[in-house]
Structures are given as structure tokens and as C-alpha cells.
Protein backbone atom coordinates (compact mmCIF):
# COMPACT_ATOMS: atom_id res chain seq x y z
CA MET A 1 -28.41 34.94 8.36
CA THR A 2 -24.87 36.73 6.70
CA ASN A 3 -24.87 40.30 7.34
CA ASP A 4 -24.06 41.05 3.32
CA THR A 5 -23.41 44.77 4.55
CA GLU A 6 -20.16 43.77 7.10
CA THR A 7 -16.55 45.55 6.63
CA GLU A 8 -14.68 43.84 4.11
CA PRO A 9 -11.00 42.55 5.52
CA GLN A 10 -9.44 46.47 3.97
CA ALA A 11 -10.57 47.65 7.85
CA ILE A 12 -10.35 45.44 10.83
CA VAL A 13 -11.99 46.32 13.67
CA ALA A 14 -9.57 46.89 16.65
CA GLY A 15 -11.03 47.04 19.77
CA GLY A 16 -14.18 48.47 21.32
CA ASP A 17 -17.47 46.67 22.02
CA LEU A 18 -19.85 47.61 18.74
CA ALA A 19 -22.90 46.70 20.10
CA THR A 20 -23.21 49.21 23.23
CA GLY A 21 -22.20 51.58 20.56
CA ILE A 22 -18.67 52.52 21.92
CA SER A 23 -16.62 54.10 19.96
CA THR A 24 -13.75 52.11 17.69
CA ARG A 25 -10.58 52.59 16.66
CA LEU A 26 -10.17 51.29 12.97
CA ARG A 27 -6.61 50.10 12.29
CA PRO A 28 -5.89 50.58 8.05
CA ALA A 29 -5.51 46.72 7.21
CA PRO A 30 -2.69 45.24 5.24
CA GLU A 31 -2.67 43.12 2.01
CA TYR A 32 -4.47 40.05 4.24
CA GLN A 33 -3.34 36.67 2.65
CA LEU A 34 -6.83 34.78 2.81
CA PRO A 35 -6.01 30.96 1.66
CA PRO A 36 -6.12 30.01 -2.46
CA ARG A 37 -9.84 28.76 -2.94
CA HIS A 38 -9.43 25.05 -3.20
CA ALA A 39 -11.02 22.38 -3.62
CA VAL A 40 -11.47 20.53 0.10
CA GLY A 41 -10.59 17.02 -0.22
CA ARG A 42 -13.21 14.57 1.57
CA LEU A 43 -10.09 11.87 3.65
CA GLN A 44 -8.93 14.76 4.94
CA GLY A 45 -12.17 16.26 6.87
CA VAL A 46 -13.87 19.43 5.20
CA THR A 47 -14.53 20.56 8.80
CA ASP A 48 -10.58 19.70 10.01
CA ARG A 49 -9.65 21.86 6.94
CA VAL A 50 -11.78 24.78 7.16
CA VAL A 51 -10.87 24.77 11.06
CA ASP A 52 -6.62 24.60 9.68
CA GLU A 53 -7.40 27.31 7.65
CA ILE A 54 -9.63 29.85 9.54
CA SER A 55 -6.53 29.68 12.12
CA SER A 56 -4.00 30.17 9.19
CA TYR A 57 -5.49 32.83 8.01
CA ILE A 58 -5.84 34.05 11.93
CA GLU A 59 -1.95 33.78 12.48
CA SER A 60 -0.44 34.23 8.94
CA ASN A 61 -2.47 38.39 9.48
CA GLY A 62 -0.98 38.76 12.69
CA LEU A 63 -4.60 38.87 14.29
CA THR A 64 -5.03 39.50 18.06
CA PRO A 65 -8.22 39.13 19.90
CA GLY A 66 -10.53 41.70 18.97
CA ASP A 67 -9.78 41.53 15.77
CA ARG A 68 -12.83 40.93 13.28
CA LEU A 69 -12.76 38.24 10.52
CA PRO A 70 -13.82 38.72 7.02
CA PRO A 71 -17.95 37.57 6.60
CA GLU A 72 -18.38 34.38 5.92
CA ARG A 73 -19.78 34.79 2.37
CA VAL A 74 -15.99 35.51 1.60
CA PHE A 75 -14.19 32.54 4.18
CA ILE A 76 -16.55 30.45 1.45
CA ASP A 77 -15.75 31.75 -1.86
CA ARG A 78 -12.03 30.95 -0.95
CA LEU A 79 -12.04 27.94 0.59
CA ASN A 80 -15.17 26.40 -1.94
CA VAL A 81 -16.93 24.88 0.83
CA SER A 82 -20.83 24.56 1.70
CA ARG A 83 -22.14 27.12 4.14
CA SER A 84 -23.18 24.18 6.34
CA SER A 85 -19.18 23.28 6.59
CA LEU A 86 -18.09 26.31 7.01
CA ARG A 87 -20.78 27.19 9.72
CA GLU A 88 -19.79 23.41 11.06
CA ALA A 89 -16.07 24.55 11.48
CA LEU A 90 -17.38 28.28 13.02
CA ARG A 91 -18.97 26.46 15.91
CA VAL A 92 -15.36 23.91 16.66
CA LEU A 93 -13.55 27.01 16.69
CA ALA A 94 -15.88 28.93 18.96
CA THR A 95 -16.22 25.72 21.11
CA ILE A 96 -12.65 25.85 21.75
CA GLY A 97 -12.54 29.27 22.39
CA ALA A 98 -10.40 30.95 19.74
CA ILE A 99 -13.37 32.87 17.82
CA ASP A 100 -16.26 35.17 19.15
CA VAL A 101 -19.70 34.81 16.59
CA ARG A 102 -21.61 37.70 17.90
CA HIS A 103 -24.36 37.33 15.72
CA GLY A 104 -25.87 40.17 14.07
CA ASP A 105 -22.39 41.95 14.49
CA GLY A 106 -19.86 39.58 12.69
CA MET A 107 -17.29 36.98 14.20
CA PHE A 108 -13.99 38.59 15.92
CA VAL A 109 -10.85 36.70 16.72
CA ALA A 110 -10.78 35.75 20.92
CA ALA A 111 -7.21 33.82 21.07
CA THR A 112 -5.00 32.99 18.26
CA ARG A 113 -3.57 29.55 18.34
CA GLU A 114 -0.76 29.67 20.28
CA MET A 115 -2.67 31.32 23.48
CA LEU A 116 -4.71 28.02 23.09
CA SER A 117 -1.96 25.83 23.38
CA ALA A 118 0.16 27.90 25.78
CA ALA A 119 -3.19 27.96 28.18
CA PRO A 120 -4.21 24.94 30.73
CA ALA A 121 -6.78 22.97 29.02
CA ALA A 122 -9.83 24.56 29.59
CA LEU A 123 -12.24 23.93 31.99
CA PHE A 124 -15.01 22.25 31.48
CA ASP A 125 -18.78 22.75 32.55
CA SER A 126 -22.20 20.49 32.82
CA THR A 127 -23.18 21.13 30.16
CA GLU A 128 -20.56 19.13 28.35
CA GLU A 129 -21.31 16.63 30.48
CA TYR A 130 -24.89 15.55 29.29
CA ALA A 131 -22.99 15.72 25.49
CA LEU A 132 -20.43 13.61 26.52
CA ARG A 133 -22.64 10.85 28.30
CA ASN A 134 -25.37 11.17 25.15
CA LEU A 135 -22.41 10.56 22.92
CA VAL A 136 -20.84 7.24 24.30
CA GLU A 137 -24.68 5.83 24.63
CA THR A 138 -25.47 6.92 21.03
CA ARG A 139 -21.32 4.59 20.02
CA ILE A 140 -22.19 2.19 22.16
CA GLY A 141 -25.23 1.37 19.45
CA ILE A 142 -23.27 2.33 16.47
CA GLU A 143 -20.31 0.86 17.46
CA ILE A 144 -21.36 -2.40 18.45
CA SER A 145 -23.56 -3.23 15.14
CA ALA A 146 -20.65 -2.09 13.11
CA VAL A 147 -17.98 -4.95 14.86
CA THR A 148 -21.42 -7.29 14.25
CA ALA A 149 -21.20 -6.33 10.49
CA ALA A 150 -17.14 -6.22 9.96
CA ILE A 151 -17.39 -9.63 11.30
CA HIS A 152 -19.61 -10.92 8.75
CA ARG A 153 -18.28 -8.62 6.05
CA ALA A 154 -15.12 -7.49 6.64
CA THR A 155 -12.28 -9.54 4.50
CA ASP A 156 -8.72 -10.89 6.25
CA GLU A 157 -7.16 -7.43 3.93
CA ASP A 158 -9.25 -4.97 5.62
CA LEU A 159 -8.31 -7.20 9.67
CA LEU A 160 -4.45 -6.72 8.10
CA GLY A 161 -5.37 -3.22 7.72
CA LEU A 162 -6.69 -3.06 10.64
CA GLN A 163 -3.93 -4.11 12.38
CA HIS A 164 -1.42 -1.74 11.11
CA LEU A 165 -3.14 1.02 11.71
CA LEU A 166 -2.73 -0.30 15.94
CA ASP A 167 0.99 -0.45 15.02
CA ASP A 168 1.16 2.83 14.22
CA GLN A 169 -0.95 4.31 16.52
CA GLU A 170 1.34 2.28 19.03
CA ARG A 171 4.61 3.09 17.52
CA GLU A 172 3.40 7.27 17.89
CA LEU A 173 2.29 6.25 21.82
CA ALA A 174 5.42 4.99 22.41
CA GLU A 175 7.98 7.33 20.81
CA ASN A 176 5.67 10.56 22.15
CA PRO A 177 3.27 10.10 24.97
CA ASN A 178 1.42 13.20 24.64
CA PHE A 179 0.38 11.51 21.76
CA ASN A 180 -3.58 11.47 20.81
CA TRP A 181 -4.30 9.95 17.75
CA GLU A 182 -7.52 11.14 14.87
CA PRO A 183 -10.31 10.21 17.44
CA LEU A 184 -12.44 7.27 16.56
CA SER A 185 -10.01 6.19 13.74
CA PHE A 186 -10.12 2.36 14.34
CA GLU A 187 -13.35 2.07 15.01
CA ILE A 188 -14.54 4.31 11.86
CA ALA A 189 -11.87 1.98 9.97
CA ILE A 190 -14.55 -0.95 10.65
CA ILE A 191 -17.08 0.57 9.68
CA GLU A 192 -15.71 1.56 6.51
CA SER A 193 -14.79 -2.52 6.08
CA THR A 194 -18.71 -2.82 6.75
CA GLY A 195 -19.29 -0.73 2.95
CA ASN A 196 -22.16 0.58 5.21
CA THR A 197 -22.58 4.03 4.16
CA TRP A 198 -25.73 5.40 6.74
CA LEU A 199 -22.67 3.73 10.07
CA TYR A 200 -20.31 5.50 8.67
CA ASP A 201 -21.59 8.96 8.40
CA VAL A 202 -23.13 8.83 11.93
CA GLU A 203 -19.87 7.54 13.25
CA ILE A 204 -18.57 11.07 11.43
CA MET A 205 -20.57 13.61 13.46
CA LEU A 206 -19.78 11.85 16.47
CA ARG A 207 -16.35 12.12 15.91
CA ASP A 208 -17.05 15.35 14.92
CA ALA A 209 -19.45 15.26 18.93
CA TRP A 210 -16.19 14.60 19.84
CA ARG A 211 -13.67 17.40 18.71
CA GLY A 212 -16.40 19.98 19.85
CA LEU A 213 -15.63 19.34 23.66
CA SER A 214 -13.27 21.46 25.08
CA ASP A 215 -10.23 20.61 25.78
CA GLY A 216 -10.04 20.10 29.28
CA LEU A 217 -13.36 17.39 28.93
CA ARG A 218 -11.44 15.16 26.00
CA THR A 219 -7.77 15.41 28.27
CA SER A 220 -9.32 14.34 31.69
CA VAL A 221 -11.26 11.71 29.94
CA GLY A 222 -8.52 10.38 27.30
CA ARG A 223 -6.45 7.14 28.13
CA HIS A 224 -5.27 6.06 24.34
CA HIS A 225 -3.16 3.08 26.64
CA GLU A 226 -5.97 1.62 27.73
CA TRP A 227 -7.58 2.31 24.90
CA GLN A 228 -5.27 0.35 22.27
CA SER A 229 -4.92 -2.40 24.36
CA GLU A 230 -8.76 -2.60 23.85
CA HIS A 231 -8.63 -1.67 20.52
CA ARG A 232 -6.53 -4.91 20.15
CA ALA A 233 -9.13 -6.89 22.37
CA ILE A 234 -11.66 -5.76 20.15
CA LEU A 235 -9.72 -6.97 17.05
CA ALA A 236 -8.67 -10.12 18.28
CA SER A 237 -12.19 -11.01 18.97
CA MET A 238 -13.23 -9.83 15.29
CA CYS A 239 -9.85 -11.90 13.69
CA SER A 240 -11.47 -15.14 15.51
CA ARG A 241 -14.75 -14.08 14.15
CA ASN A 242 -16.31 -14.55 18.16
CA VAL A 243 -19.70 -12.29 17.13
CA ILE A 244 -20.75 -12.20 21.56
CA GLN A 245 -17.18 -11.62 22.75
CA ALA A 246 -16.58 -8.69 20.24
CA GLN A 247 -19.71 -6.61 21.47
CA ARG A 248 -19.05 -7.26 25.13
CA LEU A 249 -15.31 -5.40 24.83
CA VAL A 250 -17.14 -2.62 22.84
CA MET A 251 -19.64 -2.13 25.92
CA ALA A 252 -16.45 -2.19 28.42
CA HIS A 253 -14.54 -0.09 25.92
CA LEU A 254 -17.49 2.39 26.21
CA SER A 255 -18.00 2.22 29.27
CA PHE A 256 -19.69 5.85 30.68
CA GLU A 257 -18.57 4.91 34.58
CA ARG A 258 -14.99 5.22 34.03
CA PHE A 259 -15.86 8.34 31.81
CA GLN A 260 -17.28 9.22 34.50
CA GLU A 261 -14.40 8.61 37.49
CA ASP A 262 -12.29 10.67 35.32
CA ILE A 263 -14.54 14.04 35.16
CA ASP A 264 -15.29 13.09 38.80
CA ARG A 265 -11.19 12.96 39.59
CA LEU A 266 -10.24 16.46 37.93
CA LYS A 267 -12.95 17.51 39.69
CA ASN A 268 -11.99 17.01 42.90
CA ARG A 269 -8.19 17.93 42.43
CA ARG A 270 -9.50 21.56 40.76
CA GLY A 271 -11.66 21.35 44.21
CA LYS A 272 -14.98 21.69 42.56
């Protein structure tokens, strides 16, 4: 629960460990610019928008590691989001190492966006490997169901839209070899063509779970050029309305053995 007695942004903790009673120096706060209150659009993703807003808040106010962030209720009010949406964004920020959430004490900056982008990809741990396995196994069930339903229900216009999506991604990859597209964007577009809102909601949860993995894990298993070719093959099977072939291609695309090979290769390079 949010501690309503937390210090408001008028006093920012510059350093020290409050939990152990070490004295801290409070610096006078400048006029901190909180993001304006506005509605967050679903199409852009509530979690994404809140993560970006909080990151921008840290950057624009010149906060550094150890500085205290405003309490949850301030962001809830100014960003016009629910407590659950805010906490999901905070979970993402904590996972990537941007903030430190100390229960009963508040939220603190752990690293700035500049520091995170300049640092090498974070190493992952064994817990994340299990998370990736669970994510891939769940995706298999959802996406086989989705591609099957799409073959039966997607219109020619839907399929053309999927073609345009892959064309855009291919163009971006050609111009920027390090381009990383929106996670599961192709799969989510397939589900949208089915009209199945339950599949859509689960896939959005899986996309957010993928984003919550560390940079190190996502980078180690990221094969965007291969994924692009596999997406093309899946779409071709959908266009020919070949259910069995499309299902097999989805299974091959989501091979956990390939993910595991990439993880093991990275561990061996790093002497793990």
C-alpha cells in the first residue's frame, strides 16, 4: 500500500539509507515538472506510456541514483491511470534497473535512462530462464489457436494488413540492423483479425511479460532477421488457408530449444 505520509516532491532525498537510520541530507527541490494530467490511450499501451512518462520525469528533473520519486498517488493523479497500471509500469522499471522500490520507504532512482542505454546488457539469472520457458510454452498454445482462427476468419484486407506490417519491419531492418520491432506485434495483429478478445488480452499480457525480461536475456535470444523470415512463411500459409502447415510453422517459430541454445552460447562466452 502507498504510504501517504511519504515526503512530497518538495524534499528529495539526495543519498543515504533511511532504513538503517543513517542521516541523510535533504536538498531544496526545484520546481519539479510532473507530466501533465491526461488520458493514456490504449493503442499506445498504458504500461508503455507510463514507463516513458516516469523515465522522462527522471530525466527532465535531473534526478540521479538515490533520489526519491514522488509517491504513487502523485503519478496516478497526474497520469490519470489506475493503481494497477502504475504498478505494472513500476515493475517494468524495477526489472530493467531504472528504479528501486523499497517497501515502506518509497521509490528511488536506481539508474537514469542514459546510464541504462550506455551500460552493457544486463546479465540474466536462472529465474528469468524459467520465465522465458513459461512464456514460450504459453505462447505456443495461444498462437496456434490464433493462427487457426485467423485462417478461418481473417479477411483478405486483414491479410494485406499483415503483409504491410511485415514490409514495414523488413524496411526498418534493412535500414538499421539493430532495429527491434514492437514485441509480438505480428502475433497481436493476427489475433486482432480473429476478433477474439480473450486471446488478445492474454497475448498483451505475454507481450508485457517479454518486455519485463532483462535486456541481457532479450538481446541474447533476439533473432529478428530469422523471425522476419518465419513470419513471412506463417503469413503465406495463412493466405493459402493451410491450417496444418501454419500450425507447424508456429511451433517451429516458438522452439524453446533455439532460445536455450542462444542462452547457453552467451553463458559460455561469459565464462558461466
